[in-house]
Protein backbone atom coordinates (compact mmCIF):
# COMPACT_ATOMS: atom_id res chain seq x y z
CA MET A 1 -1.87 -32.82 -3.14
CA SER A 2 -3.50 -33.10 -6.75
CA SER A 3 -1.64 -33.82 -9.67
CA GLY A 4 -1.58 -30.24 -11.12
CA ALA A 5 0.03 -28.87 -7.64
CA ALA A 6 2.57 -31.67 -7.93
CA ARG A 7 3.78 -30.66 -11.26
CA ASN A 8 3.70 -27.45 -10.56
CA GLY A 9 4.92 -27.68 -6.60
CA GLY A 10 8.13 -24.93 -6.62
CA ARG A 11 5.61 -22.44 -8.44
CA TYR A 12 3.39 -22.66 -5.23
CA ARG A 13 5.91 -21.86 -3.05
CA LEU A 14 7.72 -18.73 -5.11
CA VAL A 15 4.74 -16.40 -3.44
CA PRO A 16 5.10 -17.20 -0.01
CA VAL A 17 8.84 -17.46 -0.30
CA VAL A 18 9.02 -13.67 -1.88
CA LEU A 19 6.59 -12.77 1.26
CA LEU A 20 9.02 -14.05 3.76
CA ILE A 21 12.20 -12.46 1.97
CA THR A 22 10.21 -8.88 2.03
CA GLY A 23 8.57 -9.32 5.53
CA VAL A 24 12.38 -10.15 6.76
CA GLY A 25 12.98 -6.81 5.28
CA ALA A 26 10.36 -5.09 6.38
CA VAL A 27 11.29 -6.04 10.30
CA VAL A 28 14.80 -5.02 9.60
CA GLU A 29 13.94 -1.53 8.49
CA SER A 30 11.27 -1.02 10.89
CA TRP A 31 13.60 -2.02 13.97
CA ARG A 32 15.89 0.27 12.73
CA LEU A 33 13.32 3.14 12.54
CA GLY A 34 12.79 2.69 16.35
CA LEU A 35 10.09 0.37 18.11
CA GLY A 36 9.36 2.98 21.11
CA GLU A 37 7.02 1.83 23.63
CA LEU A 38 3.30 1.17 23.06
CA THR A 39 2.08 4.36 24.88
CA ASN A 40 5.25 6.55 23.05
CA PRO A 41 5.33 4.61 19.67
CA GLU A 42 8.25 5.30 17.28
CA PRO A 43 7.84 5.46 13.44
CA GLY A 44 9.15 1.44 13.02
CA LEU A 45 6.59 0.08 15.37
CA TRP A 46 3.40 -0.61 13.63
CA PRO A 47 5.78 -1.29 10.25
CA PHE A 48 7.35 -3.80 12.34
CA VAL A 49 3.96 -5.24 13.88
CA VAL A 50 2.73 -5.74 10.55
CA SER A 51 5.85 -7.05 9.09
CA ILE A 52 6.03 -9.82 11.92
CA ALA A 53 2.80 -10.92 11.12
CA VAL A 54 3.47 -11.04 7.70
CA THR A 55 6.80 -12.97 7.81
CA VAL A 56 4.77 -15.43 9.93
CA THR A 57 2.05 -15.95 7.69
CA ALA A 58 4.83 -16.31 4.79
CA ALA A 59 6.78 -18.55 6.54
CA ILE A 60 3.70 -20.77 7.20
CA LEU A 61 3.08 -20.65 3.76
CA THR A 62 6.00 -21.45 2.49
CA ILE A 63 6.25 -24.60 4.79
CA VAL A 64 2.60 -25.76 4.17
CA PRO A 65 1.76 -24.21 1.17
CA ASP A 66 -2.71 -24.69 0.72
CA THR A 67 -2.61 -25.82 -3.27
CA GLU A 68 -6.38 -25.90 -3.29
CA ALA A 69 -6.60 -22.21 -2.60
CA TYR A 70 -4.86 -21.11 -5.58
CA GLU A 71 -6.73 -19.33 -7.94
CA LYS A 72 -6.26 -19.40 -12.36
CA TRP A 73 -4.07 -16.09 -13.68
CA THR A 74 -7.07 -14.24 -15.15
CA ARG A 75 -7.11 -10.52 -16.29
CA ARG A 76 -8.66 -9.84 -12.45
CA THR A 77 -5.31 -11.06 -11.15
CA THR A 78 -3.46 -8.41 -13.65
CA LEU A 79 -5.56 -5.59 -11.83
CA LEU A 80 -4.39 -6.51 -8.24
CA ALA A 81 -0.35 -6.37 -9.69
CA GLY A 82 -1.76 -2.82 -11.02
CA GLY A 83 -3.34 -1.90 -7.86
CA VAL A 84 0.15 -2.90 -6.18
CA LEU A 85 1.96 -0.75 -8.84
CA SER A 86 -0.36 1.84 -8.21
CA LEU A 87 0.71 2.12 -4.63
CA VAL A 88 4.57 1.98 -5.24
CA VAL A 89 3.82 4.77 -7.22
CA PHE A 90 2.12 7.00 -4.89
CA ILE A 91 4.78 6.34 -2.59
CA LEU A 92 7.06 7.39 -4.71
CA LEU A 93 5.45 10.91 -6.15
CA PHE A 94 4.34 11.16 -2.19
CA THR A 95 7.42 11.29 -0.94
CA ALA A 96 8.73 13.73 -4.03
CA ILE A 97 5.46 16.02 -4.54
CA GLY A 98 3.26 15.52 -1.56
CA PHE A 99 0.00 14.27 -0.80
CA VAL A 100 -2.63 15.66 -2.81
CA VAL A 101 -1.74 15.25 -6.49
CA PRO A 102 -0.75 11.32 -5.93
CA ALA A 103 -3.88 10.96 -3.67
CA PHE A 104 -6.03 12.63 -5.96
CA LEU A 105 -4.78 10.14 -8.97
CA LEU A 106 -4.64 7.13 -7.30
CA LEU A 107 -8.25 7.25 -5.70
CA LEU A 108 -9.17 8.40 -9.39
CA LEU A 109 -7.11 5.53 -11.03
CA TRP A 110 -8.74 3.23 -8.03
CA LEU A 111 -12.23 4.38 -9.07
CA ARG A 112 -12.45 4.62 -12.55
CA VAL A 113 -10.49 1.09 -13.56
CA PHE A 114 -11.07 -0.88 -10.39
CA GLY A 115 -14.12 0.17 -9.13
CA GLU A 116 -15.96 0.76 -12.86
CA GLU A 117 -17.38 4.30 -11.58
CA SER A 118 -18.15 6.92 -14.34
CA TRP A 119 -15.77 9.63 -15.45
CA ARG A 120 -18.04 12.12 -13.30
CA LEU A 121 -18.77 10.52 -9.92
CA ALA A 122 -14.51 9.29 -10.24
CA LEU A 123 -13.40 12.75 -10.26
CA VAL A 124 -15.98 13.94 -7.29
CA LEU A 125 -14.55 11.54 -5.05
CA ALA A 126 -11.18 11.38 -6.06
CA VAL A 127 -11.31 15.10 -4.98
CA GLY A 128 -13.57 15.02 -2.29
CA GLY A 129 -11.51 12.03 -1.19
CA THR A 130 -8.13 13.83 -1.26
CA ALA A 131 -9.90 16.34 0.38
CA VAL A 132 -11.07 15.30 3.31
CA PHE A 133 -8.04 12.94 4.10
CA TYR A 134 -5.66 15.88 4.01
CA VAL A 135 -8.04 17.97 6.13
CA GLY A 136 -8.14 14.90 8.82
CA PHE A 137 -4.65 13.88 8.26
CA ALA A 138 -2.58 16.66 7.80
CA VAL A 139 -4.99 19.16 9.88
CA LEU A 140 -6.96 17.84 12.41
CA LEU A 141 -4.27 15.14 13.45
CA GLY A 142 -1.39 17.23 12.86
CA VAL A 143 0.51 14.19 10.45
CA PRO A 144 3.20 15.99 9.30
CA PHE A 145 3.36 15.64 5.13
CA PRO A 146 6.18 15.98 2.93
CA ASP A 147 6.07 19.39 1.25
CA ASP A 148 3.07 19.46 -1.14
CA ILE A 149 3.28 21.52 -4.23
CA VAL A 150 -0.32 22.08 -4.50
CA VAL A 151 -0.70 22.87 -1.01
CA GLY A 152 2.56 25.15 -0.75
CA THR A 153 0.89 26.80 -4.42
CA ILE A 154 -2.01 28.03 -2.99
CA THR A 155 -0.83 29.09 0.56
CA ARG A 156 1.88 31.07 -1.65
CA LEU A 157 -1.05 32.35 -3.63
CA ILE A 158 -3.63 33.57 -0.01
CA GLY A 159 -0.52 34.88 0.83
CA MET A 160 -0.54 32.60 4.00
């Protein structure tokens, strides 16, 4: 361990410990959703698999941190925190108002801020991406989404 790592030893374990706690919580909650079987999965199966992987990885990093792999905190690092926060906002909006508006806003934010695309391209891709995802998941695959304010309004306007 380098002298900087020795000086900051506890901080290198903070993120893995937080991930470990989060992973254990996700394991418990996905178990409560029900796992089912591989041929007939219930809602908690794939979150359970992913949360087990996160928990195991975090446990390993907690015990044996690779302090040489850590990067310095920069402006780009804060963008990562913004990306995670945007996903949290997406999930909250998704459950409250449906898919279309949150997906459009998330795509627009990621394309404009993180991808540094022009407003014109970001708007076109956000509208197109939202439409493709909605048709792909809700229409073609039949994935049940929460009631959507945009789709509901359009459906009422055309009388469906």
